[in-house]
Protein backbone atom coordinates (compact mmCIF):
# COMPACT_ATOMS: atom_id res chain seq x y z
CA PHE A 1 27.32 -185.89 -2.25
CA GLN A 2 30.60 -185.37 -4.91
CA ARG A 3 29.67 -182.22 -6.28
CA LEU A 4 29.42 -180.81 -1.98
CA LYS A 5 32.90 -182.50 -1.74
CA SER A 6 34.31 -180.60 -4.73
CA ARG A 7 33.72 -177.71 -3.18
CA GLY A 8 35.85 -179.07 -0.33
CA LEU A 9 32.80 -179.28 2.48
CA ASP A 10 33.94 -182.41 3.82
CA LYS A 11 36.99 -180.12 5.46
CA LEU A 12 34.69 -178.42 7.49
CA ILE A 13 31.45 -180.38 8.13
CA ASP A 14 30.97 -184.11 8.15
CA LEU A 15 29.52 -185.45 5.22
CA HIS A 16 27.70 -188.58 5.25
CA LEU A 17 26.11 -190.33 1.57
CA ALA A 18 22.91 -191.97 3.33
CA GLU A 19 21.35 -194.90 0.94
CA SER A 20 18.09 -195.29 2.80
CA PRO A 21 16.05 -194.33 5.86
CA GLN A 22 17.24 -196.28 8.32
CA GLU A 23 21.01 -195.17 7.86
CA LEU A 24 19.40 -191.32 7.87
CA LEU A 25 17.85 -192.20 11.10
CA ALA A 26 21.13 -193.82 12.59
CA LEU A 27 23.01 -190.52 12.04
CA ALA A 28 20.34 -188.16 13.11
CA ARG A 29 20.90 -189.83 16.55
CA SER A 30 25.03 -189.45 16.42
CA TYR A 31 24.76 -185.64 15.99
CA SER A 32 22.69 -182.15 17.80
CA VAL A 33 21.99 -181.14 13.88
CA VAL A 34 21.24 -183.10 10.19
CA SER A 35 20.50 -181.42 7.32
CA LEU A 36 19.32 -183.60 4.20
CA VAL A 37 19.95 -182.61 1.13
CA GLY A 38 18.02 -184.23 -1.81
CA GLU A 39 14.73 -186.08 -2.09
CA GLY A 40 13.02 -189.30 -1.74
CA MET A 41 14.13 -189.87 2.22
CA VAL A 42 11.20 -190.02 5.08
CA ASP A 43 10.49 -187.02 6.85
CA ALA A 44 11.48 -187.06 10.33
CA GLU A 45 11.42 -184.85 13.56
CA GLU A 46 15.25 -185.55 14.32
CA VAL A 47 16.52 -184.23 10.46
CA GLU A 48 15.90 -181.11 8.83
CA ARG A 49 15.45 -180.39 4.92
CA ALA A 50 18.56 -177.91 3.97
CA GLU A 51 16.62 -174.81 2.57
CA SER A 52 19.84 -173.60 0.91
CA LEU A 53 23.00 -175.48 -0.74
CA GLU A 54 25.13 -172.25 -0.26
CA ASP A 55 28.05 -172.28 2.35
CA TRP A 56 25.92 -169.55 4.56
CA TYR A 57 23.40 -172.50 5.09
CA LEU A 58 25.56 -175.54 5.12
CA VAL A 59 28.59 -174.22 6.77
CA PRO A 60 28.03 -170.65 7.95
CA GLU A 61 31.29 -170.32 10.14
CA ALA A 62 33.12 -170.65 7.10
CA VAL A 63 31.64 -167.07 5.83
CA LEU A 64 31.88 -165.54 9.42
CA GLY A 65 35.66 -166.86 10.35
CA PHE A 66 36.63 -164.18 7.77
CA TYR A 67 34.92 -161.86 9.85
CA ARG A 68 35.51 -163.12 13.16
CA GLU A 69 39.49 -163.39 12.66
CA ASN A 70 39.12 -159.80 11.66
CA MET A 71 36.63 -158.54 14.43
CA GLU A 72 38.77 -156.36 16.23
CA THR A 73 39.32 -154.71 12.99
CA LEU A 74 35.75 -154.44 11.82
CA ALA A 75 34.78 -153.13 15.10
CA ALA A 76 37.12 -150.56 15.35
CA ALA A 77 36.04 -149.55 11.68
CA VAL A 78 32.54 -149.16 13.02
CA GLU A 79 32.87 -147.20 15.59
CA ALA A 80 35.12 -145.05 14.27
CA ALA A 81 33.08 -144.84 10.73
CA SER A 82 30.03 -144.12 13.33
CA LYS A 83 31.92 -140.80 14.52
CA LEU A 84 32.77 -139.53 11.52
CA GLN A 85 29.25 -139.74 10.44
CA ALA A 86 28.20 -138.18 13.46
CA ALA A 87 30.94 -135.59 13.57
CA GLY A 88 29.86 -134.98 9.61
CA VAL A 89 33.10 -135.68 8.28
CA GLU A 90 32.22 -138.95 5.78
CA ASP A 91 29.22 -139.93 4.78
CA PHE A 92 28.26 -143.87 5.31
CA ARG A 93 24.39 -143.62 4.44
CA GLY A 94 24.22 -146.84 2.90
CA TRP A 95 26.15 -148.48 5.11
CA GLU A 96 23.67 -149.03 8.28
CA ASP A 97 22.83 -152.71 7.32
CA PHE A 98 26.23 -153.45 7.59
CA PHE A 99 27.08 -151.95 10.49
CA ASP A 100 24.30 -153.60 12.16
CA ARG A 101 25.84 -156.94 11.24
CA ILE A 102 29.30 -156.22 12.15
CA SER A 103 28.14 -155.37 15.71
CA ARG A 104 26.22 -158.53 15.82
CA LEU A 105 28.99 -160.37 15.30
CA GLY A 106 30.43 -159.82 19.11
CA ASP A 107 26.89 -160.06 20.24
CA LYS A 108 26.56 -163.21 22.65
CA SER A 109 23.62 -162.02 24.56
CA ASP A 110 21.34 -164.89 23.50
CA ILE A 111 19.24 -164.83 26.46
CA GLU A 112 17.33 -168.43 26.05
CA ALA A 113 20.52 -169.87 24.42
CA GLU A 114 22.25 -168.80 28.17
CA ARG A 115 19.53 -170.38 29.84
CA LEU A 116 19.46 -173.35 28.25
CA SER A 117 23.37 -173.85 28.86
CA ARG A 118 22.69 -172.90 32.41
CA LEU A 119 20.17 -175.78 32.49
CA ALA A 120 22.16 -178.71 30.47
CA ALA A 121 25.39 -177.83 32.97
CA ARG A 122 23.34 -177.55 35.86
CA LEU A 123 20.52 -180.51 35.44
CA GLU A 124 22.10 -183.57 37.03
CA GLY A 125 23.15 -181.76 40.04
CA CYS A 126 20.07 -180.41 40.93
CA VAL A 127 18.28 -183.30 40.14
CA ASP A 128 20.35 -185.10 42.49
CA GLN A 129 19.92 -182.91 45.36
CA ALA A 130 16.38 -182.98 44.95
CA ALA A 131 16.33 -187.03 44.65
CA SER A 132 18.77 -186.88 47.91
CA THR A 133 16.75 -184.02 50.26
CA ALA A 134 13.40 -186.33 49.12
CA ASN A 135 15.36 -189.61 50.68
CA GLU A 136 16.13 -187.62 53.60
CA GLU A 137 12.71 -186.58 54.11
CA LEU A 138 10.74 -190.15 53.20
CA LYS A 139 13.46 -191.97 55.64
CA ARG A 140 12.50 -189.33 58.34
CA ARG A 141 8.44 -189.88 57.95
CA ILE A 142 9.28 -193.99 57.80
CA GLU A 143 10.58 -193.61 60.71
CA ASN A 144 8.28 -191.80 62.90
CA SER A 145 5.66 -194.23 60.97
CA SER A 146 3.91 -197.38 62.56
CA LEU A 147 1.98 -200.07 60.29
CA THR A 148 -1.30 -201.40 62.31
CA LEU A 149 -2.23 -204.32 60.24
CA ASP A 150 -6.07 -205.93 60.44
CA GLY A 151 -7.61 -209.61 60.21
CA THR A 152 -7.93 -209.07 56.16
CA ASP A 153 -4.58 -207.74 56.39
CA LEU A 154 -2.82 -210.97 58.03
CA LEU A 155 -4.73 -213.03 55.85
CA GLN A 156 -3.76 -211.04 52.71
CA VAL A 157 -0.06 -211.81 53.98
CA MET A 158 -0.17 -215.06 55.17
CA SER A 159 -1.73 -216.60 51.28
CA ARG A 160 0.83 -214.56 49.73
CA GLY A 161 4.00 -214.57 50.66
CA ASP A 162 5.30 -211.03 49.06
CA GLY A 163 2.17 -209.51 50.44
CA ILE A 164 3.61 -207.05 52.77
CA ARG A 165 5.63 -205.13 50.26
CA GLU A 166 2.25 -205.07 48.54
CA LEU A 167 0.82 -203.76 51.63
CA PHE A 168 3.61 -201.38 52.70
CA GLU A 169 2.95 -199.62 49.03
CA ILE A 170 -0.38 -199.11 49.50
CA ARG A 171 0.09 -197.69 53.16
CA MET A 172 2.85 -195.56 52.13
CA LYS A 173 1.45 -194.20 48.68
CA GLY A 174 0.26 -191.06 49.91
CA ILE A 175 3.28 -190.01 51.57
CA TYR A 176 5.44 -191.07 48.31
CA GLN A 177 3.90 -189.14 46.34
CA GLU A 178 4.03 -186.48 48.56
CA ILE A 179 7.50 -185.93 48.83
CA LEU A 180 7.69 -186.86 44.79
CA LYS A 181 5.78 -184.13 44.28
CA GLU A 182 7.64 -181.54 46.58
CA ALA A 183 10.93 -183.05 44.97
CA LYS A 184 10.11 -182.30 41.41
CA GLU A 185 8.78 -178.51 42.37
CA ARG A 186 12.22 -177.64 44.22
CA ALA A 187 14.14 -179.10 41.22
CA ARG A 188 11.82 -177.18 38.21
CA GLU A 189 12.33 -173.83 40.72
CA ASP A 190 16.12 -174.17 40.77
CA LEU A 191 16.51 -175.27 37.78
CA ASP A 192 14.03 -172.28 36.11
CA LEU A 193 11.91 -174.79 33.73
CA LYS A 194 9.61 -173.59 31.62
CA GLY A 195 6.74 -175.24 29.66
CA ALA A 196 7.08 -178.39 28.16
CA GLU A 197 10.57 -178.73 29.89
CA GLU A 198 8.57 -179.57 33.29
CA VAL A 199 7.50 -182.96 31.56
CA TRP A 200 10.58 -184.29 31.44
CA LEU A 201 10.72 -184.49 35.56
CA ASP A 202 8.13 -187.17 35.53
CA GLU A 203 9.97 -189.38 33.19
CA ILE A 204 13.45 -188.51 35.58
CA PHE A 205 11.63 -189.12 39.24
CA SER A 206 10.06 -192.52 39.05
CA SER A 207 6.72 -192.94 40.35
CA ALA A 208 6.98 -196.21 41.53
CA VAL A 209 6.97 -196.48 45.32
CA SER A 210 10.25 -197.17 46.43
CA TYR A 211 13.00 -196.25 49.18
CA PRO A 212 15.33 -194.93 48.37
CA LEU A 213 13.45 -192.81 45.60
CA GLU A 214 15.22 -193.72 42.22
CA LEU A 215 16.09 -191.68 39.60
CA ASP A 216 15.75 -192.54 35.62
CA ARG A 217 19.22 -191.99 34.34
CA ARG A 218 18.58 -192.35 31.08
CA ALA A 219 15.79 -189.95 30.95
CA LEU A 220 18.14 -187.33 32.33
CA ARG A 221 20.58 -188.08 30.17
CA SER A 222 17.97 -187.82 26.92
CA PHE A 223 16.68 -184.78 28.58
CA GLU A 224 20.65 -183.01 28.53
CA GLN A 225 21.00 -184.06 24.93
CA GLU A 226 17.74 -182.63 24.14
CA LEU A 227 18.85 -179.17 25.76
CA ARG A 228 22.23 -178.90 24.01
CA SER A 229 20.39 -179.91 20.43
CA ARG A 230 17.77 -176.87 21.32
CA GLN A 231 20.86 -174.92 22.43
CA GLU A 232 22.67 -175.66 18.87
CA GLU A 233 19.78 -174.77 17.06
CA ARG A 234 19.21 -171.76 18.34
CA GLY A 235 23.04 -170.89 17.86
CA LEU A 236 22.87 -172.66 14.71
CA LYS A 237 19.73 -170.47 13.19
CA ALA A 238 21.67 -167.19 14.55
CA LYS A 239 24.87 -168.19 12.64
CA ARG A 240 23.21 -168.78 9.52
CA GLU A 241 21.03 -165.21 9.21
CA LEU A 242 23.92 -163.25 9.87
CA ALA A 243 26.39 -165.67 7.46
CA ARG A 244 23.35 -165.08 4.71
CA GLY A 245 23.70 -161.45 5.26
CA LEU A 246 27.73 -161.11 5.29
CA ALA A 247 28.21 -163.82 2.82
CA GLU A 248 28.33 -161.26 -0.25
CA GLU A 249 29.99 -158.60 2.29
CA ARG A 250 33.66 -159.13 2.27
CA ASN A 251 34.46 -156.58 -0.16
CA ARG A 252 32.75 -154.01 1.03
CA ALA A 253 34.50 -154.71 4.77
CA GLU A 254 37.57 -154.36 3.21
CA THR A 255 36.70 -151.11 1.27
CA LEU A 256 35.27 -149.73 4.95
CA VAL A 257 38.99 -150.50 6.28
CA HIS A 258 40.67 -149.05 3.21
CA ILE A 259 38.50 -145.56 3.37
CA LEU A 260 38.98 -145.40 7.13
CA MET A 261 43.19 -146.06 6.66
CA GLU A 262 43.12 -143.32 3.75
CA PHE A 263 41.04 -141.53 6.63
CA ASP A 264 43.76 -141.55 9.55
CA TYR A 265 46.71 -141.42 7.30
CA SER A 266 45.23 -138.10 6.07
CA TYR A 267 44.28 -137.29 9.53
CA ALA A 268 47.43 -137.80 11.07
CA LEU A 269 48.71 -136.01 8.56
CA GLY A 270 46.73 -132.71 8.53
CA SER A 271 47.54 -133.14 12.72
CA PHE A 272 51.26 -133.64 12.54
CA THR A 273 51.18 -130.51 9.72
CA LEU A 274 49.44 -128.61 12.07
CA LYS A 275 51.20 -128.95 15.51
CA GLU A 276 54.39 -128.71 13.95
CA GLY A 277 53.47 -125.91 11.59
CA LEU A 278 54.64 -127.49 8.58
CA ILE A 279 53.88 -126.03 4.65
CA PHE A 280 53.73 -127.88 1.19
CA PRO A 281 56.44 -127.07 -1.02
CA GLU A 282 56.45 -125.25 -4.14
CA ILE A 283 57.74 -127.75 -6.70
CA ALA A 284 59.98 -126.45 -9.29
CA SER A 285 61.02 -128.27 -12.90
CA GLU A 286 64.46 -126.47 -12.54
CA THR A 287 67.34 -127.66 -9.93
CA CYS A 288 66.92 -125.59 -7.43
CA LEU A 289 66.48 -126.27 -2.85
CA CYS A 290 65.76 -122.73 -1.18
CA PHE A 291 63.37 -122.72 2.09
CA GLN A 292 62.87 -119.73 4.21
CA GLY A 293 62.55 -119.88 8.60
CA ALA A 294 63.16 -124.40 8.28
CA ARG A 295 63.11 -126.03 11.43
CA ASN A 296 65.09 -129.25 12.29
CA LEU A 297 62.35 -131.99 13.60
CA SER A 298 64.68 -133.74 15.62
CA LEU A 299 65.30 -130.78 18.15
CA GLU A 300 63.33 -130.20 20.70
CA GLN A 301 63.37 -125.95 20.36
CA PRO A 302 65.26 -125.31 16.96
CA GLU A 303 66.45 -122.62 15.67
CA LYS A 304 64.87 -120.86 12.66
CA VAL A 305 67.38 -121.27 9.56
CA SER A 306 67.06 -120.32 6.08
CA TYR A 307 69.52 -121.77 2.78
CA CYS A 308 69.14 -121.53 -1.03
CA LEU A 309 70.81 -123.11 -3.71
CA GLY A 310 69.94 -122.49 -7.15
CA GLY A 311 67.60 -119.61 -6.08
CA GLY A 312 65.31 -117.24 -8.34
CA PRO A 313 65.26 -113.07 -8.01
CA GLY A 314 67.72 -112.01 -4.79
CA GLU A 315 69.43 -115.45 -4.33
CA PRO A 316 72.53 -116.89 -5.15
CA PRO A 317 72.23 -118.70 -8.54
CA GLU A 318 75.54 -121.07 -7.24
CA MET A 319 74.23 -125.06 -7.27
CA VAL A 320 77.02 -126.17 -5.31
CA ALA A 321 78.17 -124.62 -1.80
CA LEU A 322 80.84 -125.32 0.74
CA LEU A 323 79.69 -124.80 4.30
CA SER A 324 82.39 -123.42 6.39
CA GLY A 325 82.21 -122.28 10.06
CA VAL A 326 82.50 -122.47 14.29
CA ASN A 327 82.32 -126.00 15.47
CA SER A 328 79.11 -126.75 17.16
CA GLY A 329 77.55 -124.20 15.04
CA GLY A 330 74.89 -126.06 13.28
CA LYS A 331 76.48 -127.10 9.87
CA THR A 332 76.39 -131.11 10.53
CA THR A 333 72.30 -130.11 11.74
CA LEU A 334 72.00 -127.91 8.40
CA LEU A 335 72.59 -131.01 6.38
CA ASP A 336 70.38 -133.25 8.36
CA LEU A 337 67.37 -130.60 8.11
CA ILE A 338 68.11 -130.46 3.84
CA SER A 339 67.60 -134.43 4.22
CA GLN A 340 64.55 -133.96 6.20
CA ILE A 341 63.23 -131.06 3.51
CA VAL A 342 64.24 -132.88 0.69
CA ILE A 343 62.38 -136.18 1.71
CA LEU A 344 59.31 -135.47 2.70
CA ALA A 345 59.04 -133.31 -0.42
CA GLN A 346 59.64 -136.27 -2.22
CA MET A 347 57.02 -138.34 -0.24
CA GLY A 348 54.90 -135.36 -1.27
CA LEU A 349 54.33 -134.48 2.37
CA PRO A 350 54.51 -131.04 4.15
CA VAL A 351 57.91 -129.54 4.94
CA PRO A 352 59.02 -127.73 8.06
CA ALA A 353 59.58 -124.37 7.01
CA GLU A 354 57.83 -120.87 6.77
CA SER A 355 58.46 -121.26 2.81
CA CYS A 356 60.04 -124.13 0.44
CA ARG A 357 60.71 -123.78 -3.08
CA ILE A 358 62.01 -127.12 -4.44
CA SER A 359 62.71 -129.26 -7.12
CA LEU A 360 62.34 -133.23 -7.29
CA PHE A 361 65.57 -134.68 -6.98
CA GLU A 362 66.10 -138.22 -8.76
CA GLN A 363 69.48 -139.30 -6.08
CA LEU A 364 69.86 -138.31 -2.85
CA TYR A 365 73.33 -139.54 -1.48
CA TYR A 366 74.46 -138.27 2.42
CA PHE A 367 78.13 -138.98 3.07
CA SER A 368 78.02 -138.46 6.96
CA LYS A 369 81.56 -137.33 9.04
CA SER A 370 84.47 -140.34 9.18
CA ARG A 371 86.04 -140.93 12.50
CA GLY A 372 89.65 -140.51 11.80
CA THR A 373 92.10 -141.26 8.96
CA LEU A 374 91.23 -144.14 6.97
CA SER A 375 93.67 -146.82 6.20
CA ALA A 376 94.98 -147.54 2.35
CA GLY A 377 92.04 -150.17 1.97
CA ALA A 378 89.52 -148.10 3.56
CA PHE A 379 90.23 -144.82 1.40
CA GLU A 380 90.22 -147.00 -1.52
CA THR A 381 87.10 -148.24 -0.25
CA ALA A 382 85.93 -144.72 0.26
CA MET A 383 86.56 -143.61 -2.84
CA ARG A 384 84.38 -146.45 -4.76
CA LYS A 385 81.40 -145.13 -2.96
CA PHE A 386 81.81 -141.46 -4.15
CA ALA A 387 81.66 -142.73 -7.59
CA VAL A 388 78.14 -143.42 -7.44
CA VAL A 389 77.91 -139.53 -7.80
CA GLU A 390 79.30 -139.97 -11.38
CA ASN A 391 75.92 -139.73 -13.70
CA ASP A 392 73.82 -137.64 -15.03
CA LYS A 393 70.46 -137.65 -13.28
CA ARG A 394 69.27 -134.71 -11.35
CA LYS A 395 70.89 -135.29 -7.75
CA LEU A 396 71.68 -133.73 -4.45
CA VAL A 397 74.97 -134.77 -2.31
CA LEU A 398 75.18 -133.68 1.25
CA ALA A 399 78.96 -134.47 2.59
CA ASP A 400 80.14 -133.65 6.30
CA GLU A 401 84.09 -132.73 6.50
CA LEU A 402 85.42 -135.49 4.29
CA GLU A 403 88.77 -134.19 4.63
CA SER A 404 89.05 -136.75 7.53
CA ILE A 405 89.58 -139.41 4.85
CA THR A 406 93.11 -138.48 4.12
CA GLU A 407 95.48 -135.99 4.77
CA PRO A 408 94.52 -132.50 4.47
CA GLY A 409 96.37 -131.75 0.83
CA ALA A 410 95.08 -134.68 -0.83
CA SER A 411 91.29 -134.26 0.74
CA ALA A 412 91.16 -130.85 -0.47
CA ARG A 413 91.91 -132.06 -4.08
CA ILE A 414 89.25 -134.90 -4.15
CA ILE A 415 86.75 -132.53 -2.41
CA ALA A 416 87.57 -130.33 -5.07
CA CYS A 417 87.01 -132.75 -8.14
CA MET A 418 83.81 -134.14 -6.62
CA LEU A 419 82.53 -130.39 -6.63
CA ASP A 420 83.76 -129.55 -10.18
CA GLU A 421 81.85 -133.19 -11.54
CA LEU A 422 78.91 -132.11 -9.72
CA ASN A 423 78.48 -128.81 -10.70
CA ARG A 424 79.36 -130.01 -14.39
CA ARG A 425 76.55 -132.11 -14.38
CA GLY A 426 74.35 -129.57 -13.11
CA SER A 427 73.89 -131.34 -9.56
CA ALA A 428 73.40 -129.88 -6.29
CA ALA A 429 75.67 -130.54 -3.35
CA VAL A 430 76.74 -129.04 0.00
CA PHE A 431 79.61 -129.92 1.38
CA VAL A 432 80.79 -129.00 5.32
CA SER A 433 84.75 -128.50 5.35
CA HIS A 434 87.36 -127.06 7.20
CA LEU A 435 89.65 -126.78 4.05
CA ALA A 436 87.28 -124.32 2.35
CA GLU A 437 90.45 -121.97 1.03
CA ASP A 438 92.07 -124.92 -0.31
CA VAL A 439 89.17 -126.60 -2.11
CA ARG A 440 88.44 -123.30 -3.79
CA ARG A 441 91.87 -122.88 -5.08
CA PHE A 442 91.86 -126.10 -6.43
CA SER A 443 88.34 -126.23 -7.78
CA GLU A 444 88.12 -125.67 -11.54
CA THR A 445 84.62 -124.49 -11.55
CA PRO A 446 82.59 -121.52 -9.75
CA VAL A 447 82.38 -122.95 -5.91
CA ARG A 448 80.30 -120.60 -3.59
CA VAL A 449 81.63 -120.54 -0.07
CA ASP A 450 79.21 -120.37 3.02
CA GLY A 451 79.58 -119.79 6.36
CA ILE A 452 78.30 -120.13 9.80
CA GLU A 453 79.90 -118.08 12.87
CA ALA A 454 80.17 -117.33 16.14
CA GLU A 455 78.72 -113.60 17.15
CA GLY A 456 80.82 -114.13 20.24
CA LEU A 457 80.37 -115.23 24.21
CA ASP A 458 76.80 -114.44 26.09
CA GLU A 459 76.94 -113.90 30.00
CA ASN A 460 76.92 -117.71 30.41
CA ASN A 461 80.47 -118.45 28.07
CA CYS A 462 77.98 -119.95 25.80
CA LEU A 463 78.69 -119.31 21.86
CA VAL A 464 76.31 -117.01 19.94
CA VAL A 465 75.89 -118.30 16.86
CA CYS A 466 73.48 -117.55 13.75
CA ARG A 467 72.75 -120.34 12.38
CA SER A 468 71.72 -119.36 9.36
CA PRO A 469 74.75 -119.39 6.76
CA ARG A 470 75.89 -116.12 5.16
CA TYR A 471 76.51 -116.66 1.44
CA ASN A 472 79.80 -115.83 0.30
CA TYR A 473 81.79 -115.81 3.33
CA LEU A 474 84.55 -117.58 4.36
CA ALA A 475 83.27 -118.27 8.47
CA LYS A 476 86.44 -119.36 10.80
CA SER A 477 86.22 -122.10 13.39
CA THR A 478 87.26 -119.12 16.02
CA PRO A 479 89.30 -121.24 18.43
CA GLU A 480 90.00 -117.27 19.81
CA LEU A 481 86.28 -117.91 21.48
CA ILE A 482 86.67 -121.42 23.16
CA LEU A 483 90.32 -119.95 24.47
CA ASP A 484 88.46 -116.88 25.58
CA ARG A 485 85.49 -119.13 27.41
CA LEU A 486 88.73 -120.96 28.66
CA VAL A 487 90.38 -117.74 30.23
CA ARG A 488 87.13 -116.90 31.83
CA THR A 489 86.09 -120.11 33.45
CA THR A 490 89.58 -120.96 34.82
CA ARG A 491 92.02 -119.49 37.59
CA GLY A 492 95.73 -119.84 38.45
CA GLN A 493 98.02 -121.52 36.29
CA GLU A 494 95.61 -122.65 33.52
CA LYS A 495 94.25 -119.03 33.26
CA GLU A 496 97.35 -118.14 32.56
CA PHE A 497 98.24 -120.74 30.44
CA TYR A 498 95.12 -120.32 28.03
CA SER A 499 95.65 -116.05 28.35
CA ARG A 500 99.07 -116.81 26.50
CA LEU A 501 97.57 -118.86 23.67
CA LEU A 502 94.70 -116.52 23.27
CA GLY A 503 97.36 -113.51 22.38
CA LYS A 504 99.09 -115.23 20.10
CA PHE A 505 95.69 -114.78 17.66
CA ARG A 506 95.26 -110.78 18.49
């Protein structure tokens, strides 16, 4: 008893220490199923001898609880495994028994248990209905009957005061038995009784002649209890059988889910790679970042872009570059694309490019565009953030128009100083700036200037831009193209005003 308690079974089921056969039988009458652990007690039909002391036998729900709580996941895993097996993608031979047990967890199609449950639920109502119908028929038959007494009957009635009741029972016994038989038959058919169950009707329907027909409610309750006990016994037997097979399968269940999660990851990655036309990059030992025909994943119809830092033969060798060019030309989008390629490559994933050669970076910094000139306090905070690049780790620094942090002259000096530090430490960097000429003038190390420039306007007055930067080329923001578009799309005095402005650039 103490060993069972030490296993925590008393928290899952009722444990009792029976010290006598009488106490054991009393417990048996209080529960649907009682398992006896130990020797020395009398054998009784109400008590089963425990065949095992394992959890799968004593508390099968404790074993099945893990599987039922994860039933949705496990059922999906079994279904997925079956499909992969059928498709020849994965081999799950040897898992058949496990799959069968998992599928049986959700199977509640025990026809006999369902019949017993329905029978217990409908028993009292059907019996009452049969008795009510029998009483109506008995009343009608009695009302339409007459009782004729001969001399002998009269002498018997006169000699015994209650003789009339006995005489009535004798004369009506045939009718009563006929109606009682019909009531039992009606109840049997309505309840779909089988085998020895029909005997209970003889206990429930009294054979003593009386009106109204009487039911033995105690026998009725006993029959209900037997039905529920049989139902629970069937359920317990099924649980034990299932729990016995799954008792040692928890690790296997977790392994199956892990295998399918790994497959799901690989399948999702492969599907995304094929859909987006991604390729695995070449990982280089030296610091570099070069890609051809890359596409920004955030755009619906992106144009292909090529760019390189620290390239091989035929490519610019510089690791630090200033990116100049027209507004709305794609400079910020290029920084985002570089970030996507670097992050995906660092994760060991394919990248959105036709070809790519990249080194692994220890750090990636992206300083986004600031909105307006900063106050003195905010400027100091920004400078403290920029100080994180001051280390010897291999890193990539991306910055978008840092000149907005303060006045242009000071901004150019700050950007030049940061690029010099990154150059000296062998880091990679791309800074978007409209102050490229000033920055290059203040720089102490070689800083490459690349440009994205508009080529003109199309028939819809939209800018025509080559999104791939030109190396060692200072691109203008081309305000004359914007003014040219305004001249084309306005009239009257506005058109004349924009024409005079455009003339200043020509």
